[in-house]
């Protein structure tokens, strides 16, 4: 569940794609058509969750990817927090 406060400087909401890794599609979800594609098109946070293992991948522009284990709360660039159960 994400909770966001509007960024007063931009006066718009910024959303982060959240995607569940799908069996057989791991290469797509974690490959060049996944997070790198979104990051290259202006998305600043991308979260991919593997529901089978509970592994959470957090990708951010200009930062190294982070791999975590659910449950976890992520602090997103836009000021939101994202709870991954």
N, C-alpha and C. Protein backbone atom coordinates (compact mmCIF):
# COMPACT_ATOMS: atom_id res chain seq x y z
N UNK A 1 0.85 -1.16 0.00
CA UNK A 1 0.00 0.00 0.00
C UNK A 1 0.90 1.23 0.00
N UNK A 2 0.65 2.14 -0.87
CA UNK A 2 1.45 3.36 -0.95
C UNK A 2 0.70 4.51 -0.28
N UNK A 3 1.45 5.34 0.41
CA UNK A 3 0.86 6.55 0.96
C UNK A 3 1.70 7.72 0.49
N UNK A 4 1.05 8.71 -0.10
CA UNK A 4 1.79 9.83 -0.69
C UNK A 4 1.24 11.16 -0.24
N UNK A 5 2.13 12.08 -0.10
CA UNK A 5 1.75 13.47 0.09
C UNK A 5 2.11 14.19 -1.19
N UNK A 6 1.24 15.04 -1.71
CA UNK A 6 1.58 15.75 -2.95
C UNK A 6 2.84 16.57 -2.78
N UNK A 7 3.66 16.60 -3.79
CA UNK A 7 4.87 17.42 -3.78
C UNK A 7 4.45 18.85 -4.12
N UNK A 8 4.55 19.74 -3.16
CA UNK A 8 4.06 21.11 -3.32
C UNK A 8 4.82 21.85 -4.42
N UNK A 9 6.07 21.49 -4.64
CA UNK A 9 6.85 22.19 -5.67
C UNK A 9 6.36 21.85 -7.07
N UNK A 10 5.97 20.61 -7.28
CA UNK A 10 5.54 20.19 -8.62
C UNK A 10 4.03 20.22 -8.77
N UNK A 11 3.32 20.16 -7.66
CA UNK A 11 1.86 20.14 -7.64
C UNK A 11 1.27 19.05 -8.54
N UNK A 12 1.93 17.93 -8.53
CA UNK A 12 1.41 16.77 -9.24
C UNK A 12 1.86 15.53 -8.50
N UNK A 13 1.16 14.47 -8.72
CA UNK A 13 1.52 13.21 -8.07
C UNK A 13 2.45 12.42 -8.98
N UNK A 14 3.38 11.75 -8.36
CA UNK A 14 4.32 10.91 -9.10
C UNK A 14 4.08 9.49 -8.63
N UNK A 15 3.86 8.60 -9.56
CA UNK A 15 3.58 7.22 -9.21
C UNK A 15 4.73 6.32 -9.60
N UNK A 16 4.86 5.23 -8.90
CA UNK A 16 5.90 4.25 -9.15
C UNK A 16 5.26 2.97 -9.65
N UNK A 17 5.70 2.45 -10.81
CA UNK A 17 5.15 1.17 -11.23
C UNK A 17 5.52 0.09 -10.21
N UNK A 18 4.57 -0.70 -9.90
CA UNK A 18 4.83 -1.86 -9.04
C UNK A 18 4.40 -3.06 -9.85
N UNK A 19 5.24 -4.05 -9.95
CA UNK A 19 4.96 -5.19 -10.80
C UNK A 19 5.28 -6.46 -10.05
N UNK A 20 4.45 -7.46 -10.24
CA UNK A 20 4.73 -8.78 -9.67
C UNK A 20 5.47 -9.59 -10.72
N UNK A 21 6.58 -10.17 -10.34
CA UNK A 21 7.33 -11.03 -11.26
C UNK A 21 6.47 -12.24 -11.58
N UNK A 22 6.31 -12.52 -12.85
CA UNK A 22 5.45 -13.60 -13.31
C UNK A 22 6.31 -14.79 -13.71
N UNK A 23 5.87 -15.98 -13.29
CA UNK A 23 6.62 -17.20 -13.63
C UNK A 23 6.82 -17.28 -15.13
N UNK A 24 8.06 -17.49 -15.56
CA UNK A 24 8.38 -17.57 -16.97
C UNK A 24 8.70 -16.23 -17.60
N UNK A 25 8.44 -15.13 -16.88
CA UNK A 25 8.69 -13.79 -17.42
C UNK A 25 9.74 -13.03 -16.61
N UNK A 26 10.51 -13.74 -15.80
CA UNK A 26 11.51 -13.08 -14.96
C UNK A 26 12.50 -12.26 -15.79
N UNK A 27 12.90 -12.79 -16.94
CA UNK A 27 13.85 -12.06 -17.79
C UNK A 27 13.26 -10.74 -18.26
N UNK A 28 11.97 -10.73 -18.57
CA UNK A 28 11.31 -9.50 -19.00
C UNK A 28 11.15 -8.55 -17.82
N UNK A 29 10.66 -9.06 -16.70
CA UNK A 29 10.39 -8.21 -15.53
C UNK A 29 11.66 -7.58 -14.97
N UNK A 30 12.76 -8.31 -15.00
CA UNK A 30 14.01 -7.82 -14.42
C UNK A 30 15.05 -7.46 -15.49
N UNK A 31 14.70 -7.66 -16.74
CA UNK A 31 15.62 -7.37 -17.84
C UNK A 31 15.43 -5.98 -18.40
N UNK A 32 15.95 -5.73 -19.60
CA UNK A 32 15.93 -4.39 -20.19
C UNK A 32 14.53 -3.86 -20.49
N UNK A 33 13.53 -4.75 -20.63
CA UNK A 33 12.16 -4.29 -20.87
C UNK A 33 11.40 -4.02 -19.58
N UNK A 34 12.05 -4.22 -18.46
CA UNK A 34 11.42 -3.97 -17.16
C UNK A 34 11.86 -2.64 -16.59
N UNK A 35 12.52 -2.69 -15.44
CA UNK A 35 12.92 -1.48 -14.72
C UNK A 35 13.74 -0.51 -15.57
N UNK A 36 14.75 -0.95 -16.34
CA UNK A 36 15.51 0.02 -17.13
C UNK A 36 14.64 0.80 -18.12
N UNK A 37 13.65 0.15 -18.68
CA UNK A 37 12.73 0.82 -19.61
C UNK A 37 11.99 1.95 -18.90
N UNK A 38 11.40 1.63 -17.74
CA UNK A 38 10.66 2.65 -16.99
C UNK A 38 11.57 3.80 -16.54
N UNK A 39 12.75 3.46 -16.04
CA UNK A 39 13.69 4.49 -15.57
C UNK A 39 14.12 5.39 -16.72
N UNK A 40 14.33 4.83 -17.89
CA UNK A 40 14.74 5.61 -19.05
C UNK A 40 13.65 6.56 -19.54
N UNK A 41 12.40 6.28 -19.14
CA UNK A 41 11.27 7.11 -19.58
C UNK A 41 10.74 8.00 -18.46
N UNK A 42 11.59 8.29 -17.47
CA UNK A 42 11.25 9.31 -16.48
C UNK A 42 10.66 8.82 -15.18
N UNK A 43 10.40 7.52 -15.04
CA UNK A 43 9.91 7.00 -13.76
C UNK A 43 11.10 6.95 -12.81
N UNK A 44 10.94 7.46 -11.59
CA UNK A 44 12.08 7.55 -10.68
C UNK A 44 12.20 6.36 -9.73
N UNK A 45 11.13 5.64 -9.49
CA UNK A 45 11.15 4.44 -8.65
C UNK A 45 10.40 3.33 -9.35
N UNK A 46 11.01 2.15 -9.40
CA UNK A 46 10.35 0.96 -9.93
C UNK A 46 10.51 -0.14 -8.90
N UNK A 47 9.42 -0.79 -8.55
CA UNK A 47 9.43 -1.88 -7.57
C UNK A 47 8.91 -3.13 -8.25
N UNK A 48 9.70 -4.21 -8.18
CA UNK A 48 9.28 -5.50 -8.71
C UNK A 48 9.28 -6.48 -7.54
N UNK A 49 8.17 -7.20 -7.38
CA UNK A 49 8.01 -8.15 -6.28
C UNK A 49 7.85 -9.55 -6.85
N UNK A 50 8.62 -10.49 -6.33
CA UNK A 50 8.44 -11.89 -6.69
C UNK A 50 7.57 -12.52 -5.60
N UNK A 51 6.30 -12.76 -5.90
CA UNK A 51 5.39 -13.27 -4.86
C UNK A 51 5.72 -14.68 -4.39
N UNK A 52 6.45 -15.44 -5.20
CA UNK A 52 6.81 -16.81 -4.80
C UNK A 52 7.87 -16.83 -3.72
N UNK A 53 8.81 -15.88 -3.79
CA UNK A 53 9.93 -15.88 -2.85
C UNK A 53 9.88 -14.73 -1.84
N UNK A 54 9.05 -13.71 -2.13
CA UNK A 54 8.99 -12.53 -1.27
C UNK A 54 10.14 -11.57 -1.49
N UNK A 55 10.93 -11.79 -2.55
CA UNK A 55 12.04 -10.89 -2.85
C UNK A 55 11.48 -9.63 -3.51
N UNK A 56 11.97 -8.49 -3.03
CA UNK A 56 11.55 -7.18 -3.53
C UNK A 56 12.76 -6.49 -4.14
N UNK A 57 12.61 -6.06 -5.39
CA UNK A 57 13.67 -5.34 -6.09
C UNK A 57 13.23 -3.88 -6.21
N UNK A 58 14.05 -2.97 -5.72
CA UNK A 58 13.74 -1.53 -5.78
C UNK A 58 14.80 -0.87 -6.66
N UNK A 59 14.34 -0.35 -7.80
CA UNK A 59 15.22 0.34 -8.74
C UNK A 59 14.92 1.82 -8.68
N UNK A 60 15.96 2.65 -8.64
CA UNK A 60 15.81 4.10 -8.64
C UNK A 60 16.80 4.70 -9.62
N UNK A 61 16.40 5.81 -10.23
CA UNK A 61 17.31 6.50 -11.14
C UNK A 61 18.54 6.96 -10.38
N UNK A 62 19.69 6.79 -11.01
CA UNK A 62 20.98 7.26 -10.47
C UNK A 62 21.39 6.56 -9.18
N UNK A 63 20.84 5.37 -8.91
CA UNK A 63 21.22 4.59 -7.73
C UNK A 63 21.33 3.12 -8.11
N UNK A 64 22.11 2.39 -7.34
CA UNK A 64 22.22 0.96 -7.55
C UNK A 64 20.93 0.28 -7.11
N UNK A 65 20.50 -0.79 -7.81
CA UNK A 65 19.30 -1.52 -7.39
C UNK A 65 19.48 -2.12 -6.00
N UNK A 66 18.38 -2.21 -5.28
CA UNK A 66 18.37 -2.78 -3.93
C UNK A 66 17.48 -4.02 -3.94
N UNK A 67 17.96 -5.09 -3.32
CA UNK A 67 17.18 -6.31 -3.20
C UNK A 67 16.87 -6.52 -1.72
N UNK A 68 15.58 -6.67 -1.41
CA UNK A 68 15.13 -6.80 -0.03
C UNK A 68 14.20 -8.00 0.09
N UNK A 69 13.81 -8.30 1.31
CA UNK A 69 12.88 -9.40 1.58
C UNK A 69 11.60 -8.83 2.20
N UNK A 70 10.45 -9.19 1.64
CA UNK A 70 9.16 -8.76 2.20
C UNK A 70 8.94 -9.51 3.52
N UNK A 71 8.25 -8.89 4.45
CA UNK A 71 7.61 -7.57 4.40
C UNK A 71 8.63 -6.45 4.58
N UNK A 72 8.39 -5.35 3.86
CA UNK A 72 9.30 -4.22 3.91
C UNK A 72 8.53 -2.95 3.56
N UNK A 73 8.99 -1.83 4.10
CA UNK A 73 8.46 -0.52 3.73
C UNK A 73 9.54 0.23 2.99
N UNK A 74 9.22 0.70 1.80
CA UNK A 74 10.17 1.42 0.97
C UNK A 74 9.86 2.91 1.00
N UNK A 75 10.89 3.72 1.08
CA UNK A 75 10.74 5.17 0.96
C UNK A 75 11.04 5.54 -0.48
N UNK A 76 10.04 6.08 -1.18
CA UNK A 76 10.19 6.41 -2.57
C UNK A 76 10.67 7.85 -2.75
N UNK A 77 11.22 8.13 -3.90
CA UNK A 77 11.78 9.44 -4.21
C UNK A 77 10.74 10.55 -4.08
N UNK A 78 9.49 10.27 -4.41
CA UNK A 78 8.45 11.29 -4.40
C UNK A 78 7.96 11.62 -2.99
N UNK A 79 8.52 10.97 -1.97
CA UNK A 79 8.09 11.22 -0.61
C UNK A 79 7.07 10.22 -0.11
N UNK A 80 6.68 9.29 -0.96
CA UNK A 80 5.73 8.25 -0.58
C UNK A 80 6.43 7.13 0.18
N UNK A 81 5.65 6.38 0.92
CA UNK A 81 6.15 5.13 1.47
C UNK A 81 5.30 4.01 0.88
N UNK A 82 5.94 2.89 0.60
CA UNK A 82 5.26 1.75 -0.01
C UNK A 82 5.46 0.55 0.88
N UNK A 83 4.36 0.00 1.41
CA UNK A 83 4.40 -1.20 2.22
C UNK A 83 4.23 -2.42 1.32
N UNK A 84 5.21 -3.31 1.35
CA UNK A 84 5.11 -4.57 0.61
C UNK A 84 4.94 -5.67 1.65
N UNK A 85 3.73 -6.23 1.70
CA UNK A 85 3.47 -7.24 2.75
C UNK A 85 4.19 -8.57 2.50
